[in-house]
Amino acid sequence: MTPLVLFGAILLSLAIFLILAIAFFSLLKYIKKQYYPNWKFPDYISVGYAEYLYRKFIKKDLPR
C-alpha cells in the first residue's frame, strides 16, 4: 500500500467516524427535545449541600 492510499484510507475512516458521531449526538438531542423538554440536570453540587448530605446519611451509619 502506498503512503497516499494509506493516508486516504485514514482520512476516509476519520470522516466516517465524525459523520457517525454527529448523527448519534443529533439523535440524542432529538430524543431530549421530543421526550424530555424540561429536563434539568445539575452540572455541579454545592459543597454545603454535599456536607449536609454527608452528615445526614453517611456519618450516622459509620461505626465508631
N, C-alpha and C. Protein backbone atom coordinates (compact mmCIF):
# COMPACT_ATOMS: atom_id res chain seq x y z
N MET A 1 0.85 -1.17 0.00
CA MET A 1 0.00 0.00 0.00
C MET A 1 0.90 1.24 0.00
N THR A 2 0.63 2.11 -0.92
CA THR A 2 1.43 3.32 -0.98
C THR A 2 1.01 4.27 0.14
N PRO A 3 1.90 5.19 0.49
CA PRO A 3 1.56 6.14 1.56
C PRO A 3 0.34 6.99 1.24
N LEU A 4 0.13 7.29 -0.04
CA LEU A 4 -1.03 8.10 -0.43
C LEU A 4 -2.34 7.34 -0.19
N VAL A 5 -2.35 6.05 -0.53
CA VAL A 5 -3.55 5.24 -0.30
C VAL A 5 -3.80 5.08 1.19
N LEU A 6 -2.75 4.88 1.95
CA LEU A 6 -2.88 4.76 3.41
C LEU A 6 -3.42 6.05 4.02
N PHE A 7 -2.90 7.18 3.57
CA PHE A 7 -3.38 8.48 4.05
C PHE A 7 -4.85 8.67 3.69
N GLY A 8 -5.22 8.29 2.49
CA GLY A 8 -6.62 8.41 2.06
C GLY A 8 -7.55 7.52 2.88
N ALA A 9 -7.10 6.31 3.19
CA ALA A 9 -7.92 5.40 3.99
C ALA A 9 -8.10 5.93 5.41
N ILE A 10 -7.03 6.47 5.98
CA ILE A 10 -7.12 7.04 7.32
C ILE A 10 -8.05 8.25 7.32
N LEU A 11 -7.93 9.10 6.33
CA LEU A 11 -8.78 10.29 6.23
C LEU A 11 -10.25 9.90 6.02
N LEU A 12 -10.49 8.89 5.20
CA LEU A 12 -11.85 8.43 4.96
C LEU A 12 -12.46 7.83 6.23
N SER A 13 -11.69 7.05 6.97
CA SER A 13 -12.22 6.46 8.20
C SER A 13 -12.48 7.53 9.25
N LEU A 14 -11.64 8.55 9.32
CA LEU A 14 -11.87 9.65 10.24
C LEU A 14 -13.14 10.41 9.87
N ALA A 15 -13.35 10.64 8.59
CA ALA A 15 -14.55 11.35 8.15
C ALA A 15 -15.81 10.54 8.45
N ILE A 16 -15.76 9.24 8.22
CA ILE A 16 -16.92 8.39 8.51
C ILE A 16 -17.20 8.38 10.00
N PHE A 17 -16.16 8.31 10.83
CA PHE A 17 -16.34 8.35 12.27
C PHE A 17 -16.99 9.67 12.71
N LEU A 18 -16.53 10.78 12.18
CA LEU A 18 -17.11 12.07 12.55
C LEU A 18 -18.57 12.18 12.12
N ILE A 19 -18.89 11.67 10.94
CA ILE A 19 -20.28 11.71 10.47
C ILE A 19 -21.18 10.87 11.37
N LEU A 20 -20.70 9.68 11.76
CA LEU A 20 -21.48 8.83 12.66
C LEU A 20 -21.63 9.46 14.04
N ALA A 21 -20.59 10.12 14.53
CA ALA A 21 -20.68 10.78 15.84
C ALA A 21 -21.68 11.93 15.80
N ILE A 22 -21.68 12.71 14.73
CA ILE A 22 -22.64 13.80 14.60
C ILE A 22 -24.06 13.26 14.52
N ALA A 23 -24.25 12.18 13.78
CA ALA A 23 -25.59 11.59 13.69
C ALA A 23 -26.05 11.06 15.04
N PHE A 24 -25.16 10.43 15.78
CA PHE A 24 -25.51 9.88 17.09
C PHE A 24 -25.91 10.99 18.06
N PHE A 25 -25.11 12.05 18.13
CA PHE A 25 -25.43 13.13 19.06
C PHE A 25 -26.64 13.93 18.61
N SER A 26 -26.88 14.00 17.32
CA SER A 26 -28.10 14.64 16.84
C SER A 26 -29.32 13.82 17.25
N LEU A 27 -29.22 12.51 17.20
CA LEU A 27 -30.30 11.65 17.66
C LEU A 27 -30.56 11.84 19.15
N LEU A 28 -29.50 11.92 19.93
CA LEU A 28 -29.68 12.15 21.36
C LEU A 28 -30.36 13.50 21.63
N LYS A 29 -29.97 14.51 20.88
CA LYS A 29 -30.58 15.83 21.06
C LYS A 29 -32.05 15.79 20.65
N TYR A 30 -32.37 15.08 19.59
CA TYR A 30 -33.77 14.95 19.16
C TYR A 30 -34.60 14.24 20.23
N ILE A 31 -34.06 13.16 20.80
CA ILE A 31 -34.78 12.44 21.84
C ILE A 31 -35.00 13.34 23.05
N LYS A 32 -33.98 14.10 23.41
CA LYS A 32 -34.11 15.00 24.56
C LYS A 32 -35.19 16.05 24.30
N LYS A 33 -35.18 16.64 23.12
CA LYS A 33 -36.19 17.67 22.81
C LYS A 33 -37.59 17.07 22.72
N GLN A 34 -37.70 15.89 22.17
CA GLN A 34 -39.00 15.29 21.93
C GLN A 34 -39.64 14.77 23.22
N TYR A 35 -38.86 14.09 24.04
CA TYR A 35 -39.43 13.39 25.17
C TYR A 35 -39.13 14.02 26.53
N TYR A 36 -38.06 14.80 26.65
CA TYR A 36 -37.67 15.40 27.92
C TYR A 36 -37.38 16.89 27.72
N PRO A 37 -38.39 17.70 27.39
CA PRO A 37 -38.11 19.10 27.08
C PRO A 37 -37.70 19.94 28.29
N ASN A 38 -38.11 19.56 29.49
CA ASN A 38 -37.81 20.37 30.66
C ASN A 38 -36.84 19.68 31.61
N TRP A 39 -35.99 18.85 31.08
CA TRP A 39 -35.04 18.11 31.90
C TRP A 39 -34.02 19.07 32.49
N LYS A 40 -33.89 19.04 33.80
CA LYS A 40 -32.90 19.87 34.48
C LYS A 40 -31.93 18.95 35.19
N PHE A 41 -30.73 18.87 34.70
CA PHE A 41 -29.71 18.04 35.32
C PHE A 41 -28.65 18.94 35.91
N PRO A 42 -28.39 18.85 37.21
CA PRO A 42 -27.40 19.75 37.80
C PRO A 42 -25.99 19.42 37.32
N ASP A 43 -25.28 20.44 36.92
CA ASP A 43 -23.91 20.23 36.46
C ASP A 43 -22.95 20.11 37.63
N TYR A 44 -23.35 20.61 38.77
CA TYR A 44 -22.48 20.56 39.93
C TYR A 44 -23.35 20.44 41.17
N ILE A 45 -22.73 20.12 42.27
CA ILE A 45 -23.42 20.09 43.55
C ILE A 45 -22.66 21.02 44.48
N SER A 46 -23.37 21.83 45.21
CA SER A 46 -22.69 22.78 46.08
C SER A 46 -22.01 22.03 47.22
N VAL A 47 -20.93 22.60 47.72
CA VAL A 47 -20.16 21.95 48.77
C VAL A 47 -20.99 21.87 50.05
N GLY A 48 -21.73 22.91 50.34
CA GLY A 48 -22.55 22.91 51.55
C GLY A 48 -23.60 21.82 51.51
N TYR A 49 -24.23 21.63 50.37
CA TYR A 49 -25.24 20.59 50.24
C TYR A 49 -24.61 19.20 50.34
N ALA A 50 -23.42 19.05 49.79
CA ALA A 50 -22.73 17.76 49.89
C ALA A 50 -22.38 17.46 51.35
N GLU A 51 -21.93 18.48 52.09
CA GLU A 51 -21.62 18.28 53.51
C GLU A 51 -22.89 17.94 54.29
N TYR A 52 -23.99 18.58 53.97
CA TYR A 52 -25.26 18.30 54.63
C TYR A 52 -25.69 16.85 54.40
N LEU A 53 -25.59 16.39 53.16
CA LEU A 53 -25.95 15.01 52.85
C LEU A 53 -25.02 14.02 53.53
N TYR A 54 -23.73 14.39 53.61
CA TYR A 54 -22.77 13.52 54.28
C TYR A 54 -23.14 13.37 55.76
N ARG A 55 -23.41 14.49 56.43
CA ARG A 55 -23.76 14.43 57.85
C ARG A 55 -25.08 13.70 58.07
N LYS A 56 -26.03 13.88 57.15
CA LYS A 56 -27.36 13.31 57.34
C LYS A 56 -27.37 11.80 57.12
N PHE A 57 -26.70 11.32 56.07
CA PHE A 57 -26.85 9.92 55.69
C PHE A 57 -25.62 9.06 56.00
N ILE A 58 -24.45 9.56 55.75
CA ILE A 58 -23.27 8.70 55.82
C ILE A 58 -22.67 8.66 57.21
N LYS A 59 -22.54 9.83 57.84
CA LYS A 59 -21.83 9.90 59.10
C LYS A 59 -22.51 9.08 60.19
N LYS A 60 -23.83 9.06 60.21
CA LYS A 60 -24.51 8.31 61.27
C LYS A 60 -24.45 6.80 61.04
N ASP A 61 -24.16 6.38 59.82
CA ASP A 61 -24.08 4.94 59.53
C ASP A 61 -22.69 4.37 59.81
N LEU A 62 -21.69 5.24 59.95
CA LEU A 62 -20.33 4.75 60.16
C LEU A 62 -20.17 4.28 61.61
N PRO A 63 -19.54 3.12 61.81
CA PRO A 63 -19.29 2.65 63.18
C PRO A 63 -18.22 3.51 63.85
N ARG A 64 -18.33 3.66 65.14
CA ARG A 64 -17.34 4.47 65.87
C ARG A 64 -16.22 3.63 66.39
